N, C-alpha and C. Protein backbone atom coordinates (compact mmCIF):
# COMPACT_ATOMS: atom_id res chain seq x y z
N UNK A 1 225.50 -172.75 -65.68
CA UNK A 1 225.50 -171.12 -65.87
C UNK A 1 224.62 -171.01 -67.21
N UNK A 2 223.90 -170.15 -67.24
CA UNK A 2 223.14 -169.88 -68.11
C UNK A 2 223.90 -169.11 -69.08
N UNK A 3 223.46 -169.08 -70.13
CA UNK A 3 224.59 -167.29 -71.25
C UNK A 3 224.42 -166.25 -70.49
N UNK A 4 222.41 -166.03 -69.88
CA UNK A 4 222.29 -164.65 -69.79
C UNK A 4 222.55 -164.33 -68.21
N UNK A 5 223.05 -165.41 -67.37
CA UNK A 5 223.38 -165.14 -66.04
C UNK A 5 225.20 -164.62 -65.69
N UNK A 6 225.44 -165.00 -67.28
CA UNK A 6 227.04 -164.44 -67.10
C UNK A 6 227.30 -162.87 -67.60
N UNK A 7 225.92 -163.13 -68.15
CA UNK A 7 226.09 -161.65 -69.75
C UNK A 7 225.31 -160.81 -68.39
N UNK A 8 224.58 -161.05 -68.21
CA UNK A 8 223.72 -160.10 -66.67
C UNK A 8 225.09 -160.00 -65.70
N UNK A 9 225.67 -160.45 -65.34
CA UNK A 9 226.87 -160.32 -64.53
C UNK A 9 227.57 -159.40 -65.55
N UNK A 10 228.03 -159.33 -66.42
CA UNK A 10 228.98 -159.01 -66.65
C UNK A 10 227.84 -157.24 -67.40
N UNK A 11 226.79 -157.35 -67.55
CA UNK A 11 225.74 -156.12 -67.58
C UNK A 11 225.90 -155.33 -65.97
N UNK A 12 225.74 -156.17 -64.81
CA UNK A 12 225.99 -155.15 -63.74
C UNK A 12 226.86 -154.56 -63.36
N UNK A 13 228.06 -155.40 -63.56
CA UNK A 13 229.94 -154.92 -63.47
C UNK A 13 230.50 -153.28 -64.45
N UNK A 14 229.33 -153.27 -65.26
CA UNK A 14 229.22 -152.52 -66.47
C UNK A 14 229.34 -151.06 -66.46
N UNK A 15 227.53 -151.59 -65.34
CA UNK A 15 226.94 -150.65 -65.36
C UNK A 15 227.24 -149.83 -63.63
N UNK A 16 228.50 -150.33 -63.17
CA UNK A 16 228.95 -150.01 -61.79
C UNK A 16 229.94 -148.65 -61.72
N UNK A 17 231.27 -148.53 -63.14
CA UNK A 17 231.94 -147.27 -62.90
C UNK A 17 230.95 -146.15 -63.34
N UNK A 18 229.75 -146.21 -63.82
CA UNK A 18 229.06 -144.97 -63.47
C UNK A 18 228.26 -144.36 -62.31
N UNK A 19 228.07 -145.63 -61.85
CA UNK A 19 227.59 -145.44 -59.82
C UNK A 19 228.54 -145.05 -59.34
N UNK A 20 229.61 -145.42 -59.11
CA UNK A 20 231.33 -144.93 -58.63
C UNK A 20 231.50 -143.41 -58.96
N UNK A 21 230.75 -143.71 -60.24
CA UNK A 21 230.96 -141.61 -60.41
C UNK A 21 230.34 -140.86 -59.86
N UNK A 22 229.29 -141.63 -59.49
CA UNK A 22 227.84 -140.68 -58.91
C UNK A 22 226.83 -140.24 -59.67
N UNK A 23 226.35 -141.14 -60.64
CA UNK A 23 225.08 -141.67 -61.36
C UNK A 23 224.70 -142.38 -61.19
N UNK A 24 223.24 -141.46 -60.55
CA UNK A 24 222.23 -142.60 -59.71
C UNK A 24 220.85 -143.17 -60.73
N UNK A 25 220.82 -142.89 -61.63
CA UNK A 25 220.48 -143.35 -62.56
C UNK A 25 220.52 -143.76 -64.03
N UNK A 26 220.66 -144.74 -64.49
CA UNK A 26 221.13 -145.01 -65.67
C UNK A 26 220.67 -144.84 -67.27
N UNK A 27 219.43 -144.58 -66.87
CA UNK A 27 218.63 -143.22 -67.67
C UNK A 27 219.73 -142.13 -68.37
N UNK A 28 220.47 -141.79 -67.44
CA UNK A 28 221.68 -140.00 -67.10
C UNK A 28 222.69 -140.47 -67.76
N UNK A 29 222.91 -142.02 -68.79
CA UNK A 29 224.53 -142.08 -68.70
C UNK A 29 224.32 -142.19 -70.28
N UNK A 30 224.96 -141.20 -71.66
CA UNK A 30 225.01 -140.47 -72.38
C UNK A 30 225.87 -140.82 -73.02
N UNK A 31 226.11 -140.41 -74.12
CA UNK A 31 227.68 -140.52 -74.81
C UNK A 31 227.60 -141.12 -75.73
N UNK A 32 228.67 -141.11 -76.31
CA UNK A 32 229.42 -142.14 -77.76
C UNK A 32 230.40 -142.57 -77.48
N UNK A 33 230.99 -142.78 -76.21
CA UNK A 33 232.68 -142.66 -76.39
C UNK A 33 232.14 -144.88 -76.15
N UNK A 34 233.72 -145.57 -75.93
CA UNK A 34 233.77 -146.60 -76.42
C UNK A 34 233.03 -146.94 -75.30
N UNK A 35 233.01 -146.63 -73.67
CA UNK A 35 232.53 -147.54 -72.52
C UNK A 35 231.60 -147.66 -72.69
N UNK A 36 230.52 -145.67 -73.21
CA UNK A 36 229.28 -146.45 -73.60
C UNK A 36 228.11 -147.19 -74.41
N UNK A 37 229.21 -147.11 -75.33
CA UNK A 37 228.52 -147.77 -76.75
C UNK A 37 228.83 -149.57 -76.05
N UNK A 38 229.88 -149.83 -75.42
CA UNK A 38 230.20 -151.02 -75.54
C UNK A 38 228.97 -151.59 -73.70
N UNK A 39 228.76 -150.58 -73.32
CA UNK A 39 227.51 -151.41 -72.58
C UNK A 39 225.72 -151.29 -72.80
N UNK A 40 226.27 -150.39 -74.27
CA UNK A 40 224.42 -150.42 -75.19
C UNK A 40 224.54 -151.94 -75.71
N UNK A 41 226.12 -152.58 -76.21
CA UNK A 41 226.14 -153.82 -76.80
C UNK A 41 225.89 -154.65 -75.95
N UNK A 42 226.51 -154.48 -74.42
CA UNK A 42 226.42 -155.62 -73.62
C UNK A 42 224.42 -155.67 -73.23
N UNK A 43 223.88 -154.86 -73.12
CA UNK A 43 222.77 -154.63 -72.74
C UNK A 43 221.88 -154.97 -73.51
N UNK A 44 222.28 -155.26 -74.99
CA UNK A 44 221.62 -155.70 -75.95
C UNK A 44 221.96 -157.21 -76.08
N UNK A 45 222.73 -157.12 -76.18
CA UNK A 45 223.19 -159.08 -75.91
C UNK A 45 222.67 -159.58 -75.21
N UNK A 46 222.25 -158.66 -73.62
CA UNK A 46 221.78 -159.43 -72.52
C UNK A 46 220.27 -160.11 -72.60
N UNK A 47 219.68 -159.37 -72.92
CA UNK A 47 218.18 -158.55 -73.71
C UNK A 47 217.90 -159.66 -74.82
N UNK A 48 218.94 -160.03 -75.42
CA UNK A 48 218.47 -160.44 -76.94
C UNK A 48 218.35 -162.15 -75.86
N UNK A 49 219.72 -162.23 -75.45
CA UNK A 49 219.89 -163.78 -74.80
C UNK A 49 218.66 -164.43 -74.05
N UNK A 50 218.05 -163.28 -72.93
CA UNK A 50 217.46 -163.99 -72.39
C UNK A 50 216.26 -164.22 -72.75
N UNK A 51 215.49 -163.42 -74.10
CA UNK A 51 214.40 -163.27 -74.76
C UNK A 51 214.44 -164.80 -75.78
N UNK A 52 215.51 -165.06 -76.05
CA UNK A 52 215.66 -166.46 -76.58
C UNK A 52 215.68 -167.84 -75.82
N UNK A 53 216.61 -167.85 -74.38
CA UNK A 53 216.35 -168.41 -73.21
C UNK A 53 215.27 -168.93 -72.79
N UNK A 54 214.53 -167.91 -72.08
CA UNK A 54 212.94 -167.56 -72.10
C UNK A 54 212.04 -168.25 -72.94
N UNK A 55 212.22 -168.81 -73.99
CA UNK A 55 211.50 -169.72 -74.64
C UNK A 55 211.47 -171.18 -74.37
N UNK A 56 212.57 -171.72 -73.62
CA UNK A 56 212.69 -172.83 -73.65
C UNK A 56 212.75 -173.03 -72.06
N UNK A 57 212.06 -172.05 -70.98
CA UNK A 57 212.52 -172.88 -69.47
C UNK A 57 211.03 -173.10 -69.55
N UNK A 58 210.53 -173.29 -68.69
CA UNK A 58 209.22 -173.30 -67.54
C UNK A 58 208.85 -171.90 -67.13
N UNK A 59 207.53 -172.22 -66.76
CA UNK A 59 207.00 -170.54 -66.33
C UNK A 59 207.96 -170.30 -64.80
N UNK A 60 207.96 -171.31 -64.29
CA UNK A 60 208.72 -170.75 -62.67
C UNK A 60 209.85 -170.13 -63.43
N UNK A 61 210.71 -171.04 -64.13
CA UNK A 61 212.38 -170.37 -64.58
C UNK A 61 212.12 -169.21 -65.28
N UNK A 62 211.15 -169.18 -66.31
CA UNK A 62 210.52 -167.27 -66.29
C UNK A 62 210.54 -166.30 -65.71
N UNK A 63 209.88 -167.04 -65.00
CA UNK A 63 209.75 -165.87 -63.54
C UNK A 63 210.79 -165.70 -62.91
N UNK A 64 212.03 -166.55 -62.25
CA UNK A 64 213.17 -166.18 -62.01
C UNK A 64 214.38 -165.57 -62.96
N UNK A 65 213.57 -166.02 -64.08
CA UNK A 65 214.41 -164.41 -65.42
C UNK A 65 213.97 -162.87 -65.26
N UNK A 66 213.03 -163.51 -65.07
CA UNK A 66 212.16 -161.41 -65.06
C UNK A 66 213.06 -161.15 -63.74
N UNK A 67 213.14 -161.96 -62.45
CA UNK A 67 213.45 -161.71 -61.54
C UNK A 67 215.04 -160.83 -61.41
N UNK A 68 215.70 -161.33 -62.32
CA UNK A 68 217.05 -161.41 -63.06
C UNK A 68 216.63 -160.13 -64.27
N UNK A 69 216.06 -159.84 -64.68
CA UNK A 69 216.06 -158.88 -65.74
C UNK A 69 215.52 -157.67 -65.04
N UNK A 70 214.95 -157.65 -64.06
CA UNK A 70 214.84 -156.14 -63.54
C UNK A 70 214.80 -155.63 -62.65
N UNK A 71 216.43 -156.99 -62.15
CA UNK A 71 217.04 -156.24 -60.67
C UNK A 71 218.24 -155.98 -61.17
N UNK A 72 218.66 -155.66 -62.54
CA UNK A 72 220.37 -155.37 -62.98
C UNK A 72 220.53 -153.92 -62.15
N UNK A 73 219.64 -152.43 -62.82
CA UNK A 73 219.81 -151.91 -62.08
C UNK A 73 219.92 -151.72 -60.55
N UNK A 74 219.69 -152.56 -60.00
CA UNK A 74 219.03 -152.17 -58.54
C UNK A 74 220.94 -153.34 -57.97
N UNK A 75 220.80 -153.87 -58.68
CA UNK A 75 221.71 -154.74 -58.55
C UNK A 75 223.82 -153.90 -58.86
N UNK A 76 223.75 -153.49 -59.55
CA UNK A 76 224.40 -152.46 -59.97
C UNK A 76 224.48 -151.29 -59.45
N UNK A 77 224.29 -151.25 -58.54
CA UNK A 77 224.02 -150.15 -57.02
C UNK A 77 223.64 -148.78 -57.62
N UNK A 78 222.45 -148.30 -58.62
CA UNK A 78 222.02 -147.37 -58.78
C UNK A 78 220.80 -146.48 -57.72
N UNK A 79 220.89 -145.29 -57.42
CA UNK A 79 220.83 -144.99 -56.06
C UNK A 79 219.28 -143.45 -56.49
N UNK A 80 218.88 -144.06 -57.61
CA UNK A 80 217.78 -142.59 -57.77
C UNK A 80 216.36 -143.42 -57.05
N UNK A 81 216.04 -142.58 -56.23
CA UNK A 81 214.61 -143.28 -55.52
C UNK A 81 213.73 -143.17 -56.43
N UNK A 82 213.56 -143.25 -57.46
CA UNK A 82 212.06 -142.82 -58.26
C UNK A 82 212.58 -144.00 -58.87
N UNK A 83 213.41 -144.31 -59.71
CA UNK A 83 213.94 -145.36 -60.33
C UNK A 83 214.06 -146.73 -59.69
N UNK A 84 214.23 -146.40 -58.70
CA UNK A 84 214.17 -147.60 -57.07
C UNK A 84 212.80 -147.91 -56.90
N UNK A 85 211.93 -147.20 -56.66
CA UNK A 85 210.58 -147.58 -56.74
C UNK A 85 209.72 -147.99 -57.64
N UNK A 86 210.47 -147.49 -58.96
CA UNK A 86 209.49 -147.58 -60.10
C UNK A 86 210.37 -149.53 -60.26
N UNK A 87 211.57 -149.57 -59.81
CA UNK A 87 212.14 -151.13 -60.15
C UNK A 87 210.83 -151.73 -58.55
N UNK A 88 210.45 -151.62 -57.53
CA UNK A 88 209.86 -152.72 -56.63
C UNK A 88 208.25 -152.24 -56.52
N UNK A 89 207.91 -151.25 -56.97
CA UNK A 89 206.36 -151.05 -57.13
C UNK A 89 205.50 -151.27 -58.37
N UNK A 90 206.49 -151.46 -59.66
CA UNK A 90 206.52 -152.05 -60.95
C UNK A 90 206.54 -152.89 -61.28
N UNK A 91 207.78 -152.79 -61.90
CA UNK A 91 208.77 -153.52 -62.44
C UNK A 91 208.24 -154.92 -61.66
N UNK A 92 208.91 -154.87 -60.37
CA UNK A 92 208.87 -156.30 -59.57
C UNK A 92 207.61 -156.53 -59.29
N UNK A 93 206.43 -155.86 -58.96
CA UNK A 93 205.41 -156.04 -59.77
C UNK A 93 204.62 -156.84 -59.88
N UNK A 94 204.96 -156.63 -61.14
CA UNK A 94 204.46 -157.29 -62.42
C UNK A 94 204.87 -158.94 -62.29
N UNK A 95 206.01 -159.11 -61.65
CA UNK A 95 206.97 -160.18 -61.80
C UNK A 95 205.70 -161.17 -60.77
N UNK A 96 205.55 -160.22 -59.47
CA UNK A 96 204.62 -160.85 -58.68
C UNK A 96 203.36 -161.48 -58.99
N UNK A 97 203.02 -160.64 -59.96
CA UNK A 97 201.81 -161.02 -60.51
C UNK A 97 201.77 -162.49 -61.26
N UNK A 98 202.74 -162.24 -62.49
CA UNK A 98 203.40 -163.85 -62.94
C UNK A 98 203.46 -165.10 -61.75
N UNK A 99 204.22 -164.33 -60.81
CA UNK A 99 204.11 -165.79 -59.50
C UNK A 99 203.10 -165.86 -58.62
N UNK A 100 201.94 -165.50 -58.69
CA UNK A 100 201.08 -165.11 -57.83
C UNK A 100 199.62 -165.86 -59.11
N UNK A 101 199.71 -165.93 -60.57
CA UNK A 101 199.08 -166.80 -61.70
C UNK A 101 199.46 -168.52 -61.33
N UNK A 102 200.86 -168.33 -60.99
CA UNK A 102 201.53 -170.00 -61.24
C UNK A 102 201.00 -170.17 -59.88
N UNK A 103 200.62 -169.59 -58.88
CA UNK A 103 200.43 -170.12 -57.70
C UNK A 103 201.61 -171.07 -57.09
N UNK A 104 202.40 -170.91 -56.96
CA UNK A 104 203.63 -171.18 -56.86
C UNK A 104 204.48 -169.97 -55.11
N UNK A 105 203.79 -170.49 -53.81
CA UNK A 105 204.24 -169.60 -52.51
C UNK A 105 205.64 -169.47 -52.51
N UNK A 106 206.08 -170.25 -52.98
CA UNK A 106 207.70 -170.26 -52.54
C UNK A 106 208.81 -168.84 -53.68
N UNK A 107 207.91 -168.91 -54.76
CA UNK A 107 207.97 -168.29 -55.78
C UNK A 107 208.01 -166.40 -55.78
N UNK A 108 206.42 -166.68 -55.00
CA UNK A 108 205.88 -165.92 -54.33
C UNK A 108 206.64 -164.82 -53.28
N UNK A 109 207.21 -165.50 -52.23
CA UNK A 109 208.30 -164.96 -51.82
C UNK A 109 209.25 -164.77 -51.67
N UNK A 110 209.78 -164.92 -53.03
CA UNK A 110 211.03 -164.70 -53.79
C UNK A 110 210.81 -163.38 -53.51
N UNK A 111 209.63 -163.08 -54.48
CA UNK A 111 209.29 -161.80 -55.36
C UNK A 111 209.24 -160.60 -54.56
N UNK A 112 208.56 -161.49 -53.32
CA UNK A 112 208.30 -160.24 -52.08
C UNK A 112 209.28 -159.98 -51.49
N UNK A 113 210.30 -160.55 -50.99
CA UNK A 113 211.30 -160.74 -50.45
C UNK A 113 212.01 -159.18 -51.61
N UNK A 114 212.38 -159.72 -52.69
CA UNK A 114 212.78 -158.53 -53.40
C UNK A 114 212.80 -157.09 -53.31
N UNK A 115 211.03 -157.05 -53.76
CA UNK A 115 210.64 -156.34 -53.69
C UNK A 115 210.92 -155.06 -52.14
N UNK A 116 211.09 -156.20 -51.33
CA UNK A 116 211.06 -155.32 -49.52
C UNK A 116 212.60 -155.10 -49.62
N UNK A 117 213.44 -155.73 -50.16
CA UNK A 117 214.85 -155.92 -50.51
C UNK A 117 215.10 -154.14 -51.49
N UNK A 118 214.70 -154.04 -52.24
CA UNK A 118 214.70 -152.66 -52.88
C UNK A 118 214.26 -151.35 -51.83
N UNK A 119 212.91 -151.59 -51.31
CA UNK A 119 212.16 -150.91 -50.67
C UNK A 119 213.63 -150.91 -49.69
N UNK A 120 214.13 -151.37 -48.84
CA UNK A 120 214.87 -151.51 -47.59
C UNK A 120 216.37 -149.97 -48.04
N UNK A 121 216.32 -150.81 -49.52
CA UNK A 121 217.49 -149.75 -49.86
C UNK A 121 216.97 -148.15 -49.58
N UNK A 122 215.92 -147.73 -50.64
CA UNK A 122 215.25 -146.49 -51.02
C UNK A 122 215.21 -146.13 -49.24
N UNK A 123 214.75 -146.79 -48.22
CA UNK A 123 214.85 -146.08 -47.02
C UNK A 123 216.27 -145.62 -46.70
N UNK A 124 217.57 -146.68 -46.77
CA UNK A 124 218.22 -146.14 -46.78
C UNK A 124 219.03 -145.08 -47.02
N UNK A 125 218.68 -144.85 -48.41
CA UNK A 125 218.81 -143.52 -49.62
C UNK A 125 217.84 -142.49 -48.88
N UNK A 126 216.43 -142.63 -48.17
CA UNK A 126 215.30 -141.62 -47.93
C UNK A 126 214.53 -142.11 -46.77
N UNK A 127 215.44 -141.76 -46.08
CA UNK A 127 214.72 -142.30 -44.46
C UNK A 127 213.41 -141.97 -44.56
N UNK A 128 212.34 -141.40 -44.97
CA UNK A 128 211.42 -140.59 -45.23
C UNK A 128 210.17 -141.03 -45.83
N UNK A 129 210.84 -141.83 -46.83
CA UNK A 129 209.94 -143.15 -47.49
C UNK A 129 209.25 -143.90 -47.14
N UNK A 130 208.28 -143.88 -46.84
CA UNK A 130 206.88 -144.92 -46.76
C UNK A 130 207.33 -146.20 -47.50
N UNK A 131 207.07 -147.40 -47.04
CA UNK A 131 206.81 -148.25 -47.75
C UNK A 131 206.10 -148.86 -47.52
N UNK A 132 205.61 -149.08 -48.85
CA UNK A 132 204.38 -150.23 -49.23
C UNK A 132 203.90 -151.32 -49.11
N UNK A 133 202.77 -151.68 -47.95
CA UNK A 133 202.74 -153.07 -47.67
C UNK A 133 202.91 -153.92 -48.97
N UNK A 134 203.60 -154.52 -48.89
CA UNK A 134 203.79 -155.77 -49.93
C UNK A 134 202.07 -156.11 -50.77
N UNK A 135 201.39 -156.16 -49.64
CA UNK A 135 199.96 -156.82 -49.80
C UNK A 135 199.26 -156.33 -50.42
N UNK A 136 199.50 -154.98 -50.31
CA UNK A 136 198.67 -153.35 -50.92
C UNK A 136 199.13 -153.50 -52.08
N UNK A 137 200.06 -153.77 -52.91
CA UNK A 137 201.03 -153.85 -54.61
C UNK A 137 199.61 -153.96 -55.07
N UNK A 138 199.26 -153.68 -55.73
CA UNK A 138 197.95 -153.54 -57.05
C UNK A 138 198.36 -154.90 -57.89
N UNK A 139 198.49 -155.99 -57.93
CA UNK A 139 198.85 -156.62 -59.57
C UNK A 139 198.00 -157.61 -59.70
């Protein structure tokens, strides 16, 4: 298991108490208490480790790492519809573009499935949300 996988799991777990308190968007987490300071340090360590390991990975593995990075807030359980839409239609759309550049259909399908998963969560939160056609996402 890569160091980033361990850090990612810790980071997702560190965000979850905020979700349980009703915070729907990680960018609404403020404060200088010990918990938020630890969260900021963990987030920074995760991104630094990810940047370092990305240098050693194949292009395909870098895309898989990008999927992990772009879905931390989703996996932590945040429910802000605007944030989730940004994750699906911007962040993961960029990852989809990278996968398409590699012409790796399995990887492309994996990213599309993750986009669908995020959009499905949005519909659970807001049943009036119209799911974007993945093939129409501007990549």
